[in-house]
Amino acid sequence: MANAQKQPSKSQVARHAARELTVQALYQWELQHREKALSTVEAEFRSQLADEDAPDAENWVKVMAMADLVLFHDLLKGIGEQYARVDELIDPLLDRAITDLDYVELAILRLGTYELKERLEVPYRVVINECVELAKEFGATDGHKYINSVLDKLAVSLRSAEVEARRR
């Protein structure tokens, strides 16, 4: 019998889509040197028209239709309010200056750091896995390995009890 891979539930797909949108919005925000409020970037995303020539994963109207929009909003709002603190948590774990990070990597690390710090109901392994998958989708060839390494170290410091319990 072949190994059947478990299909993600509708809510898992919706949360992943929300994270995709969050990474793209954070990327856009960074490209614009954080001159606009993240709420403005969110509004721009929500008002986009469908691009029928774009692949489904890049057609933000289609992604938005399946996304958990409450989660998208909450992530952007929280990261926007705490991005300086989030960056302070990331910085010591990097092998280069945070300003030298690729904007996609930075967006994914901000998302993962925020979720590890603030969304304790989400298991740390889920946060890391989601960020690794986003890095595979949007990042450089081996960027997912870097994301995994940084977030794994961060999980040890932010969620030590959870990590330790998992290792036992």
C-alpha atoms as a PDB file:
ATOM      1  CA  MET A   1       0.000   0.000   0.000  1.00  0.00           C
ATOM      2  CA  ALA A   2       1.398   3.388  -0.974  1.00  0.00           C
ATOM      3  CA  ASN A   3       2.032   5.988   1.702  1.00  0.00           C
ATOM      4  CA  ALA A   4      -0.852   8.423   1.452  1.00  0.00           C
ATOM      5  CA  GLN A   5       0.085  11.952   2.391  1.00  0.00           C
ATOM      6  CA  LYS A   6      -2.395  13.644   4.692  1.00  0.00           C
ATOM      7  CA  GLN A   7      -4.111  16.561   2.995  1.00  0.00           C
ATOM      8  CA  PRO A   8      -4.227  19.821   4.960  1.00  0.00           C
ATOM      9  CA  SER A   9      -7.599  20.816   6.355  1.00  0.00           C
ATOM     10  CA  LYS A  10      -9.453  23.848   5.058  1.00  0.00           C
ATOM     11  CA  SER A  11      -8.448  25.824   8.165  1.00  0.00           C
ATOM     12  CA  GLN A  12      -4.779  24.855   7.727  1.00  0.00           C
ATOM     13  CA  VAL A  13      -4.918  26.045   4.111  1.00  0.00           C
ATOM     14  CA  ALA A  14      -6.573  29.293   5.243  1.00  0.00           C
ATOM     15  CA  ARG A  15      -3.899  29.929   7.879  1.00  0.00           C
ATOM     16  CA  HIS A  16      -1.096  29.156   5.419  1.00  0.00           C
ATOM     17  CA  ALA A  17      -2.645  31.548   2.890  1.00  0.00           C
ATOM     18  CA  ALA A  18      -2.839  34.234   5.615  1.00  0.00           C
ATOM     19  CA  ARG A  19       0.858  33.714   6.310  1.00  0.00           C
ATOM     20  CA  GLU A  20       1.647  33.938   2.577  1.00  0.00           C
ATOM     21  CA  LEU A  21      -0.169  37.253   2.407  1.00  0.00           C
ATOM     22  CA  THR A  22       1.586  38.440   5.551  1.00  0.00           C
ATOM     23  CA  VAL A  23       5.015  37.677   4.095  1.00  0.00           C
ATOM     24  CA  GLN A  24       4.135  39.448   0.868  1.00  0.00           C
ATOM     25  CA  ALA A  25       2.764  42.480   2.714  1.00  0.00           C
ATOM     26  CA  LEU A  26       5.856  42.650   4.959  1.00  0.00           C
ATOM     27  CA  TYR A  27       8.050  42.367   1.866  1.00  0.00           C
ATOM     28  CA  GLN A  28       6.148  45.211   0.195  1.00  0.00           C
ATOM     29  CA  TRP A  29       6.382  47.287   3.375  1.00  0.00           C
ATOM     30  CA  GLU A  30      10.156  46.805   3.538  1.00  0.00           C
ATOM     31  CA  LEU A  31      10.534  47.620  -0.176  1.00  0.00           C
ATOM     32  CA  GLN A  32       8.833  50.927   0.562  1.00  0.00           C
ATOM     33  CA  HIS A  33      11.254  51.496   3.479  1.00  0.00           C
ATOM     34  CA  ARG A  34       8.375  51.155   5.967  1.00  0.00           C
ATOM     35  CA  GLU A  35       7.107  54.598   4.876  1.00  0.00           C
ATOM     36  CA  LYS A  36       3.473  53.472   4.862  1.00  0.00           C
ATOM     37  CA  ALA A  37       1.631  52.023   7.801  1.00  0.00           C
ATOM     38  CA  LEU A  38       1.124  48.281   7.542  1.00  0.00           C
ATOM     39  CA  SER A  39      -2.611  48.970   7.716  1.00  0.00           C
ATOM     40  CA  THR A  40      -2.254  50.881   4.441  1.00  0.00           C
ATOM     41  CA  VAL A  41      -0.345  48.001   2.864  1.00  0.00           C
ATOM     42  CA  GLU A  42      -3.073  45.636   4.073  1.00  0.00           C
ATOM     43  CA  ALA A  43      -5.766  47.858   2.532  1.00  0.00           C
ATOM     44  CA  GLU A  44      -3.865  47.886  -0.765  1.00  0.00           C
ATOM     45  CA  PHE A  45      -3.711  44.080  -0.741  1.00  0.00           C
ATOM     46  CA  ARG A  46      -7.419  43.831  -0.008  1.00  0.00           C
ATOM     47  CA  SER A  47      -8.277  46.193  -2.874  1.00  0.00           C
ATOM     48  CA  GLN A  48      -6.238  44.446  -5.573  1.00  0.00           C
ATOM     49  CA  LEU A  49      -7.900  43.219  -8.715  1.00  0.00           C
ATOM     50  CA  ALA A  50      -7.377  39.669  -9.947  1.00  0.00           C
ATOM     51  CA  ASP A  51      -4.509  39.101 -12.373  1.00  0.00           C
ATOM     52  CA  GLU A  52      -5.748  36.160 -14.400  1.00  0.00           C
ATOM     53  CA  ASP A  53      -2.300  35.724 -16.000  1.00  0.00           C
ATOM     54  CA  ALA A  54      -0.594  35.188 -12.642  1.00  0.00           C
ATOM     55  CA  PRO A  55      -0.169  31.682 -11.244  1.00  0.00           C
ATOM     56  CA  ASP A  56      -2.678  30.924  -8.470  1.00  0.00           C
ATOM     57  CA  ALA A  57      -0.020  31.221  -5.743  1.00  0.00           C
ATOM     58  CA  GLU A  58       0.836  34.747  -6.938  1.00  0.00           C
ATOM     59  CA  ASN A  59      -2.699  35.913  -7.637  1.00  0.00           C
ATOM     60  CA  TRP A  60      -3.367  37.702  -4.365  1.00  0.00           C
ATOM     61  CA  VAL A  61      -7.096  37.930  -4.988  1.00  0.00           C
ATOM     62  CA  LYS A  62      -7.270  34.120  -5.171  1.00  0.00           C
ATOM     63  CA  VAL A  63      -4.995  33.712  -2.161  1.00  0.00           C
ATOM     64  CA  MET A  64      -7.092  36.280  -0.284  1.00  0.00           C
ATOM     65  CA  ALA A  65     -10.270  34.317  -1.100  1.00  0.00           C
ATOM     66  CA  MET A  66      -8.955  31.247   0.698  1.00  0.00           C
ATOM     67  CA  ALA A  67      -7.037  33.030   3.488  1.00  0.00           C
ATOM     68  CA  ASP A  68      -7.987  33.501   7.101  1.00  0.00           C
ATOM     69  CA  LEU A  69      -8.270  37.290   6.805  1.00  0.00           C
ATOM     70  CA  VAL A  70      -8.629  37.799  10.546  1.00  0.00           C
ATOM     71  CA  LEU A  71      -5.271  36.070  11.034  1.00  0.00           C
ATOM     72  CA  PHE A  72      -3.737  38.116   8.196  1.00  0.00           C
ATOM     73  CA  HIS A  73      -4.919  41.320   9.862  1.00  0.00           C
ATOM     74  CA  ASP A  74      -3.826  40.239  13.338  1.00  0.00           C
ATOM     75  CA  LEU A  75      -0.361  39.209  12.152  1.00  0.00           C
ATOM     76  CA  LEU A  76       0.241  42.453  10.280  1.00  0.00           C
ATOM     77  CA  LYS A  77      -1.060  44.558  13.135  1.00  0.00           C
ATOM     78  CA  GLY A  78       1.024  42.742  15.732  1.00  0.00           C
ATOM     79  CA  ILE A  79       4.201  42.684  13.680  1.00  0.00           C
ATOM     80  CA  GLY A  80       3.749  46.356  12.814  1.00  0.00           C
ATOM     81  CA  GLU A  81       3.383  47.284  16.463  1.00  0.00           C
ATOM     82  CA  GLN A  82       6.324  45.152  17.576  1.00  0.00           C
ATOM     83  CA  TYR A  83       8.696  45.034  14.610  1.00  0.00           C
ATOM     84  CA  ALA A  84      11.544  46.809  16.463  1.00  0.00           C
ATOM     85  CA  ARG A  85      11.335  44.288  19.333  1.00  0.00           C
ATOM     86  CA  VAL A  86      11.003  41.432  16.854  1.00  0.00           C
ATOM     87  CA  ASP A  87      14.144  42.629  15.059  1.00  0.00           C
ATOM     88  CA  GLU A  88      15.976  42.819  18.407  1.00  0.00           C
ATOM     89  CA  LEU A  89      15.159  39.158  18.999  1.00  0.00           C
ATOM     90  CA  ILE A  90      16.319  38.114  15.525  1.00  0.00           C
ATOM     91  CA  ASP A  91      19.506  40.190  15.338  1.00  0.00           C
ATOM     92  CA  PRO A  92      21.782  38.259  17.754  1.00  0.00           C
ATOM     93  CA  LEU A  93      21.003  34.985  15.951  1.00  0.00           C
ATOM     94  CA  LEU A  94      22.127  36.196  12.521  1.00  0.00           C
ATOM     95  CA  ASP A  95      25.467  35.663  10.843  1.00  0.00           C
ATOM     96  CA  ARG A  96      25.228  39.105   9.234  1.00  0.00           C
ATOM     97  CA  ALA A  97      23.641  42.465   9.874  1.00  0.00           C
ATOM     98  CA  ILE A  98      19.860  42.427   9.788  1.00  0.00           C
ATOM     99  CA  THR A  99      20.045  45.156   7.115  1.00  0.00           C
ATOM    100  CA  ASP A 100      21.923  42.687   4.885  1.00  0.00           C
ATOM    101  CA  LEU A 101      19.115  40.145   4.923  1.00  0.00           C
ATOM    102  CA  ASP A 102      17.100  39.559   1.796  1.00  0.00           C
ATOM    103  CA  TYR A 103      13.679  41.194   2.245  1.00  0.00           C
ATOM    104  CA  VAL A 104      11.910  37.855   1.812  1.00  0.00           C
ATOM    105  CA  GLU A 105      14.043  36.245   4.528  1.00  0.00           C
ATOM    106  CA  LEU A 106      13.485  39.255   6.778  1.00  0.00           C
ATOM    107  CA  ALA A 107       9.711  39.108   6.269  1.00  0.00           C
ATOM    108  CA  ILE A 108       9.614  35.383   7.054  1.00  0.00           C
ATOM    109  CA  LEU A 109      11.839  35.790  10.112  1.00  0.00           C
ATOM    110  CA  ARG A 110       9.651  38.620  11.399  1.00  0.00           C
ATOM    111  CA  LEU A 111       6.555  36.491  10.950  1.00  0.00           C
ATOM    112  CA  GLY A 112       8.109  33.465  12.632  1.00  0.00           C
ATOM    113  CA  THR A 113       9.562  35.478  15.489  1.00  0.00           C
ATOM    114  CA  TYR A 114       6.266  37.220  16.144  1.00  0.00           C
ATOM    115  CA  GLU A 115       4.372  33.929  16.137  1.00  0.00           C
ATOM    116  CA  LEU A 116       6.892  32.247  18.439  1.00  0.00           C
ATOM    117  CA  LYS A 117       6.720  35.198  20.816  1.00  0.00           C
ATOM    118  CA  GLU A 118       3.011  36.049  20.769  1.00  0.00           C
ATOM    119  CA  ARG A 119       0.976  33.149  19.427  1.00  0.00           C
ATOM    120  CA  LEU A 120       1.687  30.556  22.068  1.00  0.00           C
ATOM    121  CA  GLU A 121      -1.341  28.513  21.028  1.00  0.00           C
ATOM    122  CA  VAL A 122       0.526  27.622  17.809  1.00  0.00           C
ATOM    123  CA  PRO A 123       3.096  24.882  18.479  1.00  0.00           C
ATOM    124  CA  TYR A 124       6.642  26.065  17.837  1.00  0.00           C
ATOM    125  CA  ARG A 125       7.204  23.252  15.322  1.00  0.00           C
ATOM    126  CA  VAL A 126       4.205  24.450  13.301  1.00  0.00           C
ATOM    127  CA  VAL A 127       5.571  28.012  13.268  1.00  0.00           C
ATOM    128  CA  ILE A 128       8.984  26.840  12.086  1.00  0.00           C
ATOM    129  CA  ASN A 129       7.528  24.460   9.502  1.00  0.00           C
ATOM    130  CA  GLU A 130       5.237  27.139   8.079  1.00  0.00           C
ATOM    131  CA  CYS A 131       8.151  29.572   7.778  1.00  0.00           C
ATOM    132  CA  VAL A 132      10.371  26.948   6.136  1.00  0.00           C
ATOM    133  CA  GLU A 133       7.610  26.231   3.608  1.00  0.00           C
ATOM    134  CA  LEU A 134       7.198  29.955   2.916  1.00  0.00           C
ATOM    135  CA  ALA A 135      10.957  30.254   2.389  1.00  0.00           C
ATOM    136  CA  LYS A 136      10.820  27.371  -0.085  1.00  0.00           C
ATOM    137  CA  GLU A 137       7.957  29.100  -1.917  1.00  0.00           C
ATOM    138  CA  PHE A 138       9.300  32.642  -1.994  1.00  0.00           C
ATOM    139  CA  GLY A 139      12.931  32.654  -0.900  1.00  0.00           C
ATOM    140  CA  ALA A 140      16.321  31.879  -2.353  1.00  0.00           C
ATOM    141  CA  THR A 141      17.319  28.297  -3.126  1.00  0.00           C
ATOM    142  CA  ASP A 142      18.665  27.382   0.311  1.00  0.00           C
ATOM    143  CA  GLY A 143      17.024  30.208   2.248  1.00  0.00           C
ATOM    144  CA  HIS A 144      14.750  27.742   4.030  1.00  0.00           C
ATOM    145  CA  LYS A 145      17.775  26.228   5.784  1.00  0.00           C
ATOM    146  CA  TYR A 146      18.757  29.622   7.147  1.00  0.00           C
ATOM    147  CA  ILE A 147      15.194  30.358   8.274  1.00  0.00           C
ATOM    148  CA  ASN A 148      15.025  26.966   9.989  1.00  0.00           C
ATOM    149  CA  SER A 149      18.329  27.522  11.796  1.00  0.00           C
ATOM    150  CA  VAL A 150      17.462  30.988  13.103  1.00  0.00           C
ATOM    151  CA  LEU A 151      13.925  30.110  14.204  1.00  0.00           C
ATOM    152  CA  ASP A 152      15.079  26.871  15.805  1.00  0.00           C
ATOM    153  CA  LYS A 153      17.540  28.830  17.986  1.00  0.00           C
ATOM    154  CA  LEU A 154      14.854  31.383  18.768  1.00  0.00           C
ATOM    155  CA  ALA A 155      12.378  28.677  19.779  1.00  0.00           C
ATOM    156  CA  VAL A 156      14.871  27.386  22.348  1.00  0.00           C
ATOM    157  CA  SER A 157      14.997  30.808  24.001  1.00  0.00           C
ATOM    158  CA  LEU A 158      11.340  31.860  23.622  1.00  0.00           C
ATOM    159  CA  ARG A 159       9.698  28.476  24.171  1.00  0.00           C
ATOM    160  CA  SER A 160      12.258  26.567  26.202  1.00  0.00           C
ATOM    161  CA  ALA A 161       9.708  24.488  28.132  1.00  0.00           C
ATOM    162  CA  GLU A 162       7.861  23.475  24.969  1.00  0.00           C
ATOM    163  CA  VAL A 163      11.093  22.626  23.138  1.00  0.00           C
ATOM    164  CA  GLU A 164      12.418  20.652  26.105  1.00  0.00           C
ATOM    165  CA  ALA A 165       9.150  18.723  26.462  1.00  0.00           C
ATOM    166  CA  ARG A 166       9.289  17.852  22.771  1.00  0.00           C
ATOM    167  CA  ARG A 167      12.875  16.555  23.070  1.00  0.00           C
ATOM    168  CA  ARG A 168      11.988  14.172  25.933  1.00  0.00           C
END
